[in-house]
């Protein structure tokens, strides 16, 4: 469970309306509401996302700075490139979304008690997946799911949520394949929300919230690349 110094926050009403993201203090903007698809889409379109623990109300966040990755700046270390070249994993998209989000929620993380991927969050994102707006990238080995990640795609944006790996490099290879696949199809920005060492190693960078929101507004209202996503014949996602 996270703690915050006392800051003013907004309480959401039944209508799908959010306060301006610039009003967030310590990244925390508002509380309440629900996780129906319409509200989640409206939130992501404005640079806002839910993050809370089981038993808490729904807390909505818009951090400053924001951590992002430009797909054209994706950096793959030589050692990972060798793993990709060895084809240790079969990469699939959108074939086991519910399993990926469940496994992300079960993954133990240093310094973290419990998970923010609550049962309600899983149900909400599974619904977005059914609507073709949430997608998973999966690493399979010997017919077993051993790593993956999931997120939300709106317009030319992909909002990464979480990842897991039971085998070394599994989620990394899936991430590289996904970013390359999205770049080839016109997705121009990957939002990692807050800094992680994992995304930093791939070339992630911090943007001031104002810069992020300006770029978001120019990308998010393009036509959605709805699912299911698939690696097609001719894709070179794992061969570069």
C-alpha atoms as a PDB file:
ATOM      1  CA  UNK A   1       0.000   0.000   0.000  1.00  0.00           C
ATOM      2  CA  UNK A   2       1.345   3.423  -0.963  1.00  0.00           C
ATOM      3  CA  UNK A   3       1.250   6.444   1.303  1.00  0.00           C
ATOM      4  CA  UNK A   4       1.060  10.092   0.290  1.00  0.00           C
ATOM      5  CA  UNK A   5       1.664  13.297   2.181  1.00  0.00           C
ATOM      6  CA  UNK A   6      -1.670  15.100   2.637  1.00  0.00           C
ATOM      7  CA  UNK A   7      -2.632  16.639  -0.717  1.00  0.00           C
ATOM      8  CA  UNK A   8      -5.978  17.873  -2.050  1.00  0.00           C
ATOM      9  CA  UNK A   9      -7.709  15.443  -4.406  1.00  0.00           C
ATOM     10  CA  UNK A  10     -10.950  15.554  -6.332  1.00  0.00           C
ATOM     11  CA  UNK A  11     -13.794  13.114  -5.760  1.00  0.00           C
ATOM     12  CA  UNK A  12     -15.337  11.825  -8.971  1.00  0.00           C
ATOM     13  CA  UNK A  13     -19.049  11.985  -9.676  1.00  0.00           C
ATOM     14  CA  UNK A  14     -21.198   9.519 -11.637  1.00  0.00           C
ATOM     15  CA  UNK A  15     -20.673  11.435 -14.887  1.00  0.00           C
ATOM     16  CA  UNK A  16     -17.501  10.560 -16.754  1.00  0.00           C
ATOM     17  CA  UNK A  17     -15.619  13.771 -16.051  1.00  0.00           C
ATOM     18  CA  UNK A  18     -12.048  14.153 -14.798  1.00  0.00           C
ATOM     19  CA  UNK A  19     -10.315  17.218 -13.374  1.00  0.00           C
ATOM     20  CA  UNK A  20      -7.388  18.670 -15.326  1.00  0.00           C
ATOM     21  CA  UNK A  21      -4.317  16.408 -15.009  1.00  0.00           C
ATOM     22  CA  UNK A  22      -2.163  19.440 -14.221  1.00  0.00           C
ATOM     23  CA  UNK A  23      -3.969  19.650 -10.864  1.00  0.00           C
ATOM     24  CA  UNK A  24      -2.416  16.377  -9.701  1.00  0.00           C
ATOM     25  CA  UNK A  25      -0.047  16.713  -6.749  1.00  0.00           C
ATOM     26  CA  UNK A  26       2.532  13.973  -6.156  1.00  0.00           C
ATOM     27  CA  UNK A  27       0.884  12.388  -9.197  1.00  0.00           C
ATOM     28  CA  UNK A  28      -2.409  11.859  -7.341  1.00  0.00           C
ATOM     29  CA  UNK A  29      -5.396  13.545  -8.980  1.00  0.00           C
ATOM     30  CA  UNK A  30      -8.728  12.139  -7.838  1.00  0.00           C
ATOM     31  CA  UNK A  31     -10.554   9.288  -6.128  1.00  0.00           C
ATOM     32  CA  UNK A  32     -13.699   7.289  -6.714  1.00  0.00           C
ATOM     33  CA  UNK A  33     -15.658   6.483  -9.820  1.00  0.00           C
ATOM     34  CA  UNK A  34     -15.618   3.052 -11.428  1.00  0.00           C
ATOM     35  CA  UNK A  35     -13.718   0.972 -13.954  1.00  0.00           C
ATOM     36  CA  UNK A  36     -16.291   0.737 -16.725  1.00  0.00           C
ATOM     37  CA  UNK A  37     -14.719   0.878 -20.209  1.00  0.00           C
ATOM     38  CA  UNK A  38     -16.026   4.359 -20.998  1.00  0.00           C
ATOM     39  CA  UNK A  39     -14.368   5.836 -17.928  1.00  0.00           C
ATOM     40  CA  UNK A  40     -11.089   4.004 -18.477  1.00  0.00           C
ATOM     41  CA  UNK A  41     -10.891   5.170 -22.099  1.00  0.00           C
ATOM     42  CA  UNK A  42     -11.686   8.760 -21.085  1.00  0.00           C
ATOM     43  CA  UNK A  43      -8.992   8.587 -18.412  1.00  0.00           C
ATOM     44  CA  UNK A  44      -6.257   7.272 -20.702  1.00  0.00           C
ATOM     45  CA  UNK A  45      -7.149   9.806 -23.368  1.00  0.00           C
ATOM     46  CA  UNK A  46      -6.350  12.520 -20.805  1.00  0.00           C
ATOM     47  CA  UNK A  47      -3.168  10.957 -19.407  1.00  0.00           C
ATOM     48  CA  UNK A  48      -4.838   9.569 -16.267  1.00  0.00           C
ATOM     49  CA  UNK A  49      -4.763   5.982 -15.024  1.00  0.00           C
ATOM     50  CA  UNK A  50      -6.054   3.983 -12.019  1.00  0.00           C
ATOM     51  CA  UNK A  51      -3.586   2.662  -9.451  1.00  0.00           C
ATOM     52  CA  UNK A  52      -4.728   1.340  -6.094  1.00  0.00           C
ATOM     53  CA  UNK A  53      -4.636  -1.760  -3.891  1.00  0.00           C
ATOM     54  CA  UNK A  54      -7.302  -4.280  -2.937  1.00  0.00           C
ATOM     55  CA  UNK A  55      -9.634  -2.790  -0.337  1.00  0.00           C
ATOM     56  CA  UNK A  56      -8.809   0.816  -1.262  1.00  0.00           C
ATOM     57  CA  UNK A  57     -11.001   3.217  -3.219  1.00  0.00           C
ATOM     58  CA  UNK A  58      -9.973   3.784  -6.834  1.00  0.00           C
ATOM     59  CA  UNK A  59      -7.128   6.295  -6.956  1.00  0.00           C
ATOM     60  CA  UNK A  60      -6.458   8.040 -10.286  1.00  0.00           C
ATOM     61  CA  UNK A  61      -2.995   9.341 -11.151  1.00  0.00           C
ATOM     62  CA  UNK A  62      -1.210  11.617 -13.597  1.00  0.00           C
ATOM     63  CA  UNK A  63       2.481  11.732 -12.623  1.00  0.00           C
ATOM     64  CA  UNK A  64       4.988  14.429 -13.452  1.00  0.00           C
ATOM     65  CA  UNK A  65       7.387  13.618 -15.042  1.00  0.00           C
ATOM     66  CA  UNK A  66       6.044  10.866 -17.289  1.00  0.00           C
ATOM     67  CA  UNK A  67       8.183   7.954 -18.490  1.00  0.00           C
ATOM     68  CA  UNK A  68       7.828   7.127 -22.189  1.00  0.00           C
ATOM     69  CA  UNK A  69       9.531   5.250 -25.005  1.00  0.00           C
ATOM     70  CA  UNK A  70       9.650   6.384 -28.615  1.00  0.00           C
ATOM     71  CA  UNK A  71       9.562   3.152 -30.666  1.00  0.00           C
ATOM     72  CA  UNK A  72      12.117   4.460 -33.151  1.00  0.00           C
ATOM     73  CA  UNK A  73      14.546   4.928 -30.249  1.00  0.00           C
ATOM     74  CA  UNK A  74      14.188   1.367 -28.984  1.00  0.00           C
ATOM     75  CA  UNK A  75      17.607   0.161 -27.830  1.00  0.00           C
ATOM     76  CA  UNK A  76      18.292  -3.573 -27.712  1.00  0.00           C
ATOM     77  CA  UNK A  77      21.465  -4.602 -25.893  1.00  0.00           C
ATOM     78  CA  UNK A  78      23.768  -6.973 -27.721  1.00  0.00           C
ATOM     79  CA  UNK A  79      23.189  -9.805 -25.234  1.00  0.00           C
ATOM     80  CA  UNK A  80      19.419  -9.590 -25.689  1.00  0.00           C
ATOM     81  CA  UNK A  81      19.876  -9.420 -29.437  1.00  0.00           C
ATOM     82  CA  UNK A  82      21.664 -12.777 -29.255  1.00  0.00           C
ATOM     83  CA  UNK A  83      18.771 -14.255 -27.291  1.00  0.00           C
ATOM     84  CA  UNK A  84      16.328 -12.978 -29.909  1.00  0.00           C
ATOM     85  CA  UNK A  85      18.458 -14.454 -32.664  1.00  0.00           C
ATOM     86  CA  UNK A  86      18.494 -17.834 -30.919  1.00  0.00           C
ATOM     87  CA  UNK A  87      14.673 -17.949 -31.057  1.00  0.00           C
ATOM     88  CA  UNK A  88      14.297 -19.400 -27.589  1.00  0.00           C
ATOM     89  CA  UNK A  89      10.702 -18.161 -27.404  1.00  0.00           C
ATOM     90  CA  UNK A  90       7.656 -18.230 -29.595  1.00  0.00           C
ATOM     91  CA  UNK A  91       6.053 -14.787 -29.479  1.00  0.00           C
ATOM     92  CA  UNK A  92       2.314 -14.420 -29.754  1.00  0.00           C
ATOM     93  CA  UNK A  93      -0.062 -11.486 -29.337  1.00  0.00           C
ATOM     94  CA  UNK A  94      -3.529 -11.570 -27.779  1.00  0.00           C
ATOM     95  CA  UNK A  95      -3.806 -15.342 -27.389  1.00  0.00           C
ATOM     96  CA  UNK A  96      -3.727 -15.473 -23.573  1.00  0.00           C
ATOM     97  CA  UNK A  97      -4.593 -11.966 -22.359  1.00  0.00           C
ATOM     98  CA  UNK A  98      -6.461 -13.086 -19.239  1.00  0.00           C
ATOM     99  CA  UNK A  99      -3.597 -15.378 -18.255  1.00  0.00           C
ATOM    100  CA  UNK A 100      -1.022 -12.614 -18.746  1.00  0.00           C
ATOM    101  CA  UNK A 101      -2.823 -10.097 -16.551  1.00  0.00           C
ATOM    102  CA  UNK A 102      -3.458 -12.759 -13.908  1.00  0.00           C
ATOM    103  CA  UNK A 103       0.206 -13.768 -13.877  1.00  0.00           C
ATOM    104  CA  UNK A 104       1.282 -10.125 -13.658  1.00  0.00           C
ATOM    105  CA  UNK A 105      -0.922  -9.762 -10.596  1.00  0.00           C
ATOM    106  CA  UNK A 106       0.558 -12.873  -8.986  1.00  0.00           C
ATOM    107  CA  UNK A 107       4.184 -11.907  -9.577  1.00  0.00           C
ATOM    108  CA  UNK A 108       6.072 -11.048  -6.389  1.00  0.00           C
ATOM    109  CA  UNK A 109       8.017  -7.793  -6.697  1.00  0.00           C
ATOM    110  CA  UNK A 110      10.751  -6.503  -4.367  1.00  0.00           C
ATOM    111  CA  UNK A 111       9.445  -4.062  -1.776  1.00  0.00           C
ATOM    112  CA  UNK A 112       5.821  -4.584  -2.776  1.00  0.00           C
ATOM    113  CA  UNK A 113       3.143  -6.148  -0.601  1.00  0.00           C
ATOM    114  CA  UNK A 114       0.140  -7.415  -2.480  1.00  0.00           C
ATOM    115  CA  UNK A 115      -0.706  -6.141  -5.947  1.00  0.00           C
ATOM    116  CA  UNK A 116      -2.416  -3.200  -7.584  1.00  0.00           C
ATOM    117  CA  UNK A 117      -3.767  -5.575 -10.251  1.00  0.00           C
ATOM    118  CA  UNK A 118      -6.873  -6.302  -8.211  1.00  0.00           C
ATOM    119  CA  UNK A 119      -9.678  -8.641  -9.218  1.00  0.00           C
ATOM    120  CA  UNK A 120     -11.729  -5.634 -10.333  1.00  0.00           C
ATOM    121  CA  UNK A 121      -8.808  -4.323 -12.378  1.00  0.00           C
ATOM    122  CA  UNK A 122      -8.396  -7.691 -14.053  1.00  0.00           C
ATOM    123  CA  UNK A 123     -12.080  -7.801 -14.932  1.00  0.00           C
ATOM    124  CA  UNK A 124     -11.977  -4.240 -16.278  1.00  0.00           C
ATOM    125  CA  UNK A 125      -8.959  -4.815 -18.508  1.00  0.00           C
ATOM    126  CA  UNK A 126     -10.310  -8.139 -19.705  1.00  0.00           C
ATOM    127  CA  UNK A 127     -13.371  -6.191 -20.816  1.00  0.00           C
ATOM    128  CA  UNK A 128     -11.175  -3.692 -22.675  1.00  0.00           C
ATOM    129  CA  UNK A 129      -9.468  -6.647 -24.339  1.00  0.00           C
ATOM    130  CA  UNK A 130     -12.836  -7.993 -25.457  1.00  0.00           C
ATOM    131  CA  UNK A 131     -13.506  -4.573 -26.988  1.00  0.00           C
ATOM    132  CA  UNK A 132     -10.216  -4.754 -28.891  1.00  0.00           C
ATOM    133  CA  UNK A 133      -8.521  -1.974 -26.909  1.00  0.00           C
ATOM    134  CA  UNK A 134      -6.213  -3.910 -24.553  1.00  0.00           C
ATOM    135  CA  UNK A 135      -3.506  -6.213 -25.846  1.00  0.00           C
ATOM    136  CA  UNK A 136      -0.937  -8.697 -24.621  1.00  0.00           C
ATOM    137  CA  UNK A 137       2.424  -9.808 -25.952  1.00  0.00           C
ATOM    138  CA  UNK A 138       3.352 -13.314 -24.824  1.00  0.00           C
ATOM    139  CA  UNK A 139       6.516 -15.425 -24.743  1.00  0.00           C
ATOM    140  CA  UNK A 140       5.909 -19.178 -25.009  1.00  0.00           C
ATOM    141  CA  UNK A 141       8.427 -21.956 -24.517  1.00  0.00           C
ATOM    142  CA  UNK A 142       7.664 -25.636 -25.124  1.00  0.00           C
ATOM    143  CA  UNK A 143       3.974 -24.788 -25.276  1.00  0.00           C
ATOM    144  CA  UNK A 144       3.998 -22.972 -21.921  1.00  0.00           C
ATOM    145  CA  UNK A 145       3.407 -19.277 -21.244  1.00  0.00           C
ATOM    146  CA  UNK A 146       6.638 -18.083 -19.577  1.00  0.00           C
ATOM    147  CA  UNK A 147       6.459 -14.304 -19.878  1.00  0.00           C
ATOM    148  CA  UNK A 148       4.448 -11.412 -21.184  1.00  0.00           C
ATOM    149  CA  UNK A 149       3.054  -7.935 -20.814  1.00  0.00           C
ATOM    150  CA  UNK A 150      -0.217  -6.126 -21.408  1.00  0.00           C
ATOM    151  CA  UNK A 151      -1.481  -2.625 -21.984  1.00  0.00           C
ATOM    152  CA  UNK A 152      -4.063  -0.389 -23.637  1.00  0.00           C
ATOM    153  CA  UNK A 153      -3.892   0.907 -27.209  1.00  0.00           C
ATOM    154  CA  UNK A 154      -5.716   4.098 -28.211  1.00  0.00           C
ATOM    155  CA  UNK A 155      -4.992   5.857 -31.473  1.00  0.00           C
ATOM    156  CA  UNK A 156      -1.236   5.974 -31.995  1.00  0.00           C
ATOM    157  CA  UNK A 157      -0.477   5.367 -28.305  1.00  0.00           C
ATOM    158  CA  UNK A 158       0.226   2.246 -26.284  1.00  0.00           C
ATOM    159  CA  UNK A 159      -0.110   2.496 -22.509  1.00  0.00           C
ATOM    160  CA  UNK A 160       1.975  -0.262 -20.920  1.00  0.00           C
ATOM    161  CA  UNK A 161       0.611  -1.629 -17.665  1.00  0.00           C
ATOM    162  CA  UNK A 162       2.644  -4.556 -16.324  1.00  0.00           C
ATOM    163  CA  UNK A 163       4.781  -7.548 -17.271  1.00  0.00           C
ATOM    164  CA  UNK A 164       5.982 -10.839 -15.813  1.00  0.00           C
ATOM    165  CA  UNK A 165       8.647 -13.416 -16.609  1.00  0.00           C
ATOM    166  CA  UNK A 166       9.133 -16.932 -15.292  1.00  0.00           C
ATOM    167  CA  UNK A 167      12.149 -17.483 -17.565  1.00  0.00           C
ATOM    168  CA  UNK A 168      15.040 -15.049 -18.008  1.00  0.00           C
ATOM    169  CA  UNK A 169      14.532 -12.594 -20.892  1.00  0.00           C
ATOM    170  CA  UNK A 170      11.042 -13.853 -21.739  1.00  0.00           C
ATOM    171  CA  UNK A 171       9.208 -10.584 -21.146  1.00  0.00           C
ATOM    172  CA  UNK A 172      12.071  -8.590 -22.688  1.00  0.00           C
ATOM    173  CA  UNK A 173      11.858 -10.495 -25.966  1.00  0.00           C
ATOM    174  CA  UNK A 174       8.075 -10.089 -25.990  1.00  0.00           C
ATOM    175  CA  UNK A 175       8.464  -6.359 -25.351  1.00  0.00           C
ATOM    176  CA  UNK A 176      10.942  -5.905 -28.210  1.00  0.00           C
ATOM    177  CA  UNK A 177       8.679  -7.802 -30.598  1.00  0.00           C
ATOM    178  CA  UNK A 178       5.668  -5.736 -29.562  1.00  0.00           C
ATOM    179  CA  UNK A 179       7.410  -2.378 -29.899  1.00  0.00           C
ATOM    180  CA  UNK A 180       8.762  -3.246 -33.336  1.00  0.00           C
ATOM    181  CA  UNK A 181       5.369  -4.555 -34.449  1.00  0.00           C
ATOM    182  CA  UNK A 182       3.618  -1.384 -33.260  1.00  0.00           C
ATOM    183  CA  UNK A 183       6.184   0.882 -34.878  1.00  0.00           C
ATOM    184  CA  UNK A 184       5.551  -0.793 -38.221  1.00  0.00           C
ATOM    185  CA  UNK A 185       1.822  -0.067 -37.803  1.00  0.00           C
ATOM    186  CA  UNK A 186       2.023   3.570 -36.840  1.00  0.00           C
ATOM    187  CA  UNK A 187       1.987   3.544 -33.050  1.00  0.00           C
ATOM    188  CA  UNK A 188       4.325   6.382 -32.179  1.00  0.00           C
ATOM    189  CA  UNK A 189       4.573   6.489 -28.391  1.00  0.00           C
ATOM    190  CA  UNK A 190       4.702   3.918 -25.588  1.00  0.00           C
ATOM    191  CA  UNK A 191       3.654   5.234 -22.174  1.00  0.00           C
ATOM    192  CA  UNK A 192       5.336   3.494 -19.242  1.00  0.00           C
ATOM    193  CA  UNK A 193       3.631   5.868 -16.748  1.00  0.00           C
ATOM    194  CA  UNK A 194       6.463   5.946 -14.183  1.00  0.00           C
ATOM    195  CA  UNK A 195      10.145   5.152 -14.496  1.00  0.00           C
ATOM    196  CA  UNK A 196      11.211   1.531 -14.465  1.00  0.00           C
ATOM    197  CA  UNK A 197      14.748   0.244 -14.914  1.00  0.00           C
ATOM    198  CA  UNK A 198      13.392  -2.290 -17.384  1.00  0.00           C
ATOM    199  CA  UNK A 199      12.051   0.311 -19.833  1.00  0.00           C
ATOM    200  CA  UNK A 200      14.982   2.636 -19.152  1.00  0.00           C
ATOM    201  CA  UNK A 201      17.352   0.004 -20.524  1.00  0.00           C
ATOM    202  CA  UNK A 202      15.341   0.026 -23.748  1.00  0.00           C
ATOM    203  CA  UNK A 203      15.694   3.776 -24.174  1.00  0.00           C
ATOM    204  CA  UNK A 204      12.838   5.119 -22.069  1.00  0.00           C
ATOM    205  CA  UNK A 205      13.006   8.788 -21.131  1.00  0.00           C
ATOM    206  CA  UNK A 206      11.308  11.179 -18.758  1.00  0.00           C
ATOM    207  CA  UNK A 207       9.098  13.902 -20.179  1.00  0.00           C
ATOM    208  CA  UNK A 208       7.560  16.777 -18.250  1.00  0.00           C
ATOM    209  CA  UNK A 209       3.840  16.158 -17.879  1.00  0.00           C
ATOM    210  CA  UNK A 210       3.023  19.198 -20.001  1.00  0.00           C
ATOM    211  CA  UNK A 211       5.102  17.850 -22.897  1.00  0.00           C
ATOM    212  CA  UNK A 212       3.556  14.411 -22.511  1.00  0.00           C
ATOM    213  CA  UNK A 213      -0.015  15.716 -22.485  1.00  0.00           C
ATOM    214  CA  UNK A 214       0.607  17.823 -25.581  1.00  0.00           C
ATOM    215  CA  UNK A 215       1.962  14.807 -27.477  1.00  0.00           C
ATOM    216  CA  UNK A 216      -0.820  12.595 -26.143  1.00  0.00           C
ATOM    217  CA  UNK A 217      -3.487  14.950 -27.467  1.00  0.00           C
ATOM    218  CA  UNK A 218      -1.997  14.766 -30.966  1.00  0.00           C
ATOM    219  CA  UNK A 219      -1.910  10.945 -31.034  1.00  0.00           C
ATOM    220  CA  UNK A 220      -4.707   9.470 -28.984  1.00  0.00           C
ATOM    221  CA  UNK A 221      -7.690  10.414 -31.140  1.00  0.00           C
ATOM    222  CA  UNK A 222      -6.474   8.696 -34.306  1.00  0.00           C
ATOM    223  CA  UNK A 223      -8.399   5.557 -35.355  1.00  0.00           C
ATOM    224  CA  UNK A 224      -7.784   2.673 -32.964  1.00  0.00           C
ATOM    225  CA  UNK A 225      -5.789  -0.347 -34.072  1.00  0.00           C
ATOM    226  CA  UNK A 226      -8.316  -2.764 -32.618  1.00  0.00           C
ATOM    227  CA  UNK A 227      -7.538  -6.378 -31.810  1.00  0.00           C
ATOM    228  CA  UNK A 228      -6.927  -9.138 -31.929  1.00  0.00           C
ATOM    229  CA  UNK A 229      -3.326  -8.347 -32.834  1.00  0.00           C
ATOM    230  CA  UNK A 230      -1.308 -11.013 -34.614  1.00  0.00           C
ATOM    231  CA  UNK A 231       2.249 -11.471 -35.854  1.00  0.00           C
ATOM    232  CA  UNK A 232       1.748 -12.032 -39.562  1.00  0.00           C
ATOM    233  CA  UNK A 233       3.817 -13.765 -42.194  1.00  0.00           C
ATOM    234  CA  UNK A 234       6.511 -11.351 -43.276  1.00  0.00           C
ATOM    235  CA  UNK A 235       6.829  -9.589 -39.928  1.00  0.00           C
ATOM    236  CA  UNK A 236      10.507  -9.271 -39.080  1.00  0.00           C
ATOM    237  CA  UNK A 237       9.860  -8.421 -35.431  1.00  0.00           C
ATOM    238  CA  UNK A 238      12.266 -11.027 -34.094  1.00  0.00           C
ATOM    239  CA  UNK A 239      14.843 -11.008 -36.852  1.00  0.00           C
ATOM    240  CA  UNK A 240      16.458  -7.602 -36.398  1.00  0.00           C
END
